[in-house]
C-alpha atoms as a PDB file:
ATOM      1  CA  MET A   1      70.330  91.516 323.997  1.00  0.00           C
ATOM      2  CA  SER A   2      66.774  90.814 325.159  1.00  0.00           C
ATOM      3  CA  LYS A   3      65.351  87.360 325.670  1.00  0.00           C
ATOM      4  CA  ALA A   4      62.436  86.041 323.629  1.00  0.00           C
ATOM      5  CA  THR A   5      59.131  85.703 325.430  1.00  0.00           C
ATOM      6  CA  ASP A   6      57.047  82.535 325.520  1.00  0.00           C
ATOM      7  CA  LYS A   7      54.453  84.289 323.389  1.00  0.00           C
ATOM      8  CA  LEU A   8      57.011  85.223 320.747  1.00  0.00           C
ATOM      9  CA  LEU A   9      58.503  81.719 320.695  1.00  0.00           C
ATOM     10  CA  GLY A  10      55.012  80.222 320.455  1.00  0.00           C
ATOM     11  CA  GLU A  11      54.222  82.438 317.486  1.00  0.00           C
ATOM     12  CA  LEU A  12      57.506  81.502 315.803  1.00  0.00           C
ATOM     13  CA  HIS A  13      56.823  77.821 316.446  1.00  0.00           C
ATOM     14  CA  GLY A  14      53.363  78.125 314.892  1.00  0.00           C
ATOM     15  CA  ARG A  15      54.694  79.915 311.835  1.00  0.00           C
ATOM     16  CA  VAL A  16      57.417  77.312 311.268  1.00  0.00           C
ATOM     17  CA  ALA A  17      54.825  74.538 311.539  1.00  0.00           C
ATOM     18  CA  LYS A  18      52.481  76.341 309.126  1.00  0.00           C
ATOM     19  CA  SER A  19      55.311  76.956 306.635  1.00  0.00           C
ATOM     20  CA  MET A  20      56.201  73.272 306.665  1.00  0.00           C
ATOM     21  CA  LEU A  21      52.581  72.277 306.194  1.00  0.00           C
ATOM     22  CA  ASP A  22      52.190  74.776 303.333  1.00  0.00           C
ATOM     23  CA  ALA A  23      55.302  73.396 301.621  1.00  0.00           C
ATOM     24  CA  LEU A  24      54.001  69.831 301.892  1.00  0.00           C
ATOM     25  CA  GLU A  25      50.583  70.859 300.558  1.00  0.00           C
ATOM     26  CA  ALA A  26      52.181  72.760 297.648  1.00  0.00           C
ATOM     27  CA  SER A  27      54.163  69.635 296.786  1.00  0.00           C
ATOM     28  CA  ASP A  28      50.985  67.541 296.819  1.00  0.00           C
ATOM     29  CA  GLN A  29      49.161  70.080 294.656  1.00  0.00           C
ATOM     30  CA  ALA A  30      52.009  70.223 292.138  1.00  0.00           C
ATOM     31  CA  GLN A  31      51.982  66.425 291.881  1.00  0.00           C
ATOM     32  CA  ALA A  32      48.190  66.391 291.451  1.00  0.00           C
ATOM     33  CA  LEU A  33      48.436  68.949 288.640  1.00  0.00           C
ATOM     34  CA  LEU A  34      51.114  66.903 286.903  1.00  0.00           C
ATOM     35  CA  ASP A  35      49.069  63.733 287.251  1.00  0.00           C
ATOM     36  CA  GLU A  36      45.885  65.372 285.982  1.00  0.00           C
ATOM     37  CA  TYR A  37      47.151  67.726 283.273  1.00  0.00           C
ATOM     38  CA  GLY A  38      50.744  66.650 282.632  1.00  0.00           C
ATOM     39  CA  GLU A  39      50.213  65.771 278.983  1.00  0.00           C
ATOM     40  CA  GLU A  40      48.473  69.082 278.230  1.00  0.00           C
ATOM     41  CA  LEU A  41      50.915  71.452 279.927  1.00  0.00           C
ATOM     42  CA  PRO A  42      53.817  73.234 278.240  1.00  0.00           C
ATOM     43  CA  ASN A  43      57.279  71.863 279.065  1.00  0.00           C
ATOM     44  CA  ASP A  44      58.232  74.953 281.085  1.00  0.00           C
ATOM     45  CA  VAL A  45      55.222  74.464 283.345  1.00  0.00           C
ATOM     46  CA  ILE A  46      55.923  70.736 283.676  1.00  0.00           C
ATOM     47  CA  ASN A  47      59.536  71.472 284.639  1.00  0.00           C
ATOM     48  CA  TYR A  48      58.433  74.050 287.206  1.00  0.00           C
ATOM     49  CA  LEU A  49      55.848  71.745 288.775  1.00  0.00           C
ATOM     50  CA  SER A  50      58.279  68.825 288.752  1.00  0.00           C
ATOM     51  CA  LYS A  51      60.660  70.777 290.995  1.00  0.00           C
ATOM     52  CA  SER A  52      57.894  71.193 293.582  1.00  0.00           C
ATOM     53  CA  ALA A  53      56.202  67.822 293.209  1.00  0.00           C
ATOM     54  CA  GLY A  54      57.045  64.666 295.049  1.00  0.00           C
ATOM     55  CA  ASN A  55      58.960  64.127 298.228  1.00  0.00           C
ATOM     56  CA  ASN A  56      61.655  66.705 298.900  1.00  0.00           C
ATOM     57  CA  PRO A  57      64.152  64.851 301.118  1.00  0.00           C
ATOM     58  CA  ALA A  58      65.416  68.051 302.793  1.00  0.00           C
ATOM     59  CA  LEU A  59      61.873  69.160 303.628  1.00  0.00           C
ATOM     60  CA  LEU A  60      60.893  65.723 304.932  1.00  0.00           C
ATOM     61  CA  THR A  61      64.032  65.621 307.088  1.00  0.00           C
ATOM     62  CA  ALA A  62      63.251  69.072 308.508  1.00  0.00           C
ATOM     63  CA  VAL A  63      59.626  68.117 309.204  1.00  0.00           C
ATOM     64  CA  THR A  64      60.670  64.853 310.851  1.00  0.00           C
ATOM     65  CA  LYS A  65      63.194  66.658 313.060  1.00  0.00           C
ATOM     66  CA  PHE A  66      60.624  69.323 313.932  1.00  0.00           C
ATOM     67  CA  LEU A  67      58.112  66.643 314.983  1.00  0.00           C
ATOM     68  CA  LYS A  68      60.725  64.735 316.966  1.00  0.00           C
ATOM     69  CA  ASP A  69      62.030  67.860 318.702  1.00  0.00           C
ATOM     70  CA  ASN A  70      58.473  68.675 319.752  1.00  0.00           C
ATOM     71  CA  SER A  71      57.680  65.102 320.879  1.00  0.00           C
ATOM     72  CA  ILE A  72      54.927  64.684 318.296  1.00  0.00           C
ATOM     73  CA  THR A  73      54.046  61.027 317.822  1.00  0.00           C
ATOM     74  CA  CYS A  74      51.351  58.917 316.213  1.00  0.00           C
ATOM     75  CA  VAL A  75      48.528  57.469 318.295  1.00  0.00           C
ATOM     76  CA  ILE A  76      48.313  53.947 316.946  1.00  0.00           C
ATOM     77  CA  GLU A  77      44.897  53.143 318.411  1.00  0.00           C
ATOM     78  CA  ASP A  78      43.310  55.784 316.146  1.00  0.00           C
ATOM     79  CA  ASN A  79      44.663  54.275 312.923  1.00  0.00           C
ATOM     80  CA  SER A  80      43.861  50.683 311.905  1.00  0.00           C
ATOM     81  CA  ASP A  81      46.703  50.618 309.336  1.00  0.00           C
ATOM     82  CA  MET A  82      49.204  51.620 312.005  1.00  0.00           C
ATOM     83  CA  SER A  83      47.717  49.100 314.441  1.00  0.00           C
ATOM     84  CA  GLU A  84      48.299  46.325 311.924  1.00  0.00           C
ATOM     85  CA  LEU A  85      51.850  47.530 311.338  1.00  0.00           C
ATOM     86  CA  GLU A  86      52.501  47.711 315.074  1.00  0.00           C
ATOM     87  CA  GLU A  87      51.193  44.161 315.493  1.00  0.00           C
ATOM     88  CA  ARG A  88      53.482  42.876 312.739  1.00  0.00           C
ATOM     89  CA  LEU A  89      56.464  44.663 314.288  1.00  0.00           C
ATOM     90  CA  GLN A  90      55.646  43.247 317.716  1.00  0.00           C
ATOM     91  CA  ASN A  91      55.472  39.724 316.249  1.00  0.00           C
ATOM     92  CA  LYS A  92      58.909  40.239 314.672  1.00  0.00           C
ATOM     93  CA  ARG A  93      60.290  41.501 317.984  1.00  0.00           C
ATOM     94  CA  ASN A  94      58.884  38.469 319.810  1.00  0.00           C
ATOM     95  CA  LYS A  95      60.440  36.085 317.298  1.00  0.00           C
ATOM     96  CA  LYS A  96      63.760  37.900 317.625  1.00  0.00           C
ATOM     97  CA  ARG A  97      63.740  37.514 321.417  1.00  0.00           C
ATOM     98  CA  ILE A  98      63.196  33.771 321.160  1.00  0.00           C
ATOM     99  CA  GLY A  99      66.115  33.328 318.741  1.00  0.00           C
ATOM    100  CA  ASN A 100      66.824  29.698 317.943  1.00  0.00           C
ATOM    101  CA  VAL A 101      64.671  28.303 320.754  1.00  0.00           C
ATOM    102  CA  ILE A 102      61.793  26.159 319.507  1.00  0.00           C
ATOM    103  CA  PRO A 103      58.826  25.958 321.877  1.00  0.00           C
ATOM    104  CA  MET A 104      57.859  22.416 322.883  1.00  0.00           C
ATOM    105  CA  ASP A 105      54.305  21.392 323.645  1.00  0.00           C
END
């Protein structure tokens, strides 16, 4: 049995990432179609789109694992919403560390 080359593994990695991205985009598009034209579409089409729309837990789990396995993280400084969330989490952590101690002036 031959070993896979770095080039081959890189190509496989890229294709897996693209497939995941395509699946997420297809889900978003299906949801957009349902939101926009849901009342006008035949029931068969609505049922088909409904299966693709929304958050597929198995897909989201696979994407999350893929990102984690590849050490992909969010850069908080580039996103003001995430910065606010990080600040709130840090405040909660600080309060947790203090416990029942009340600071005295």
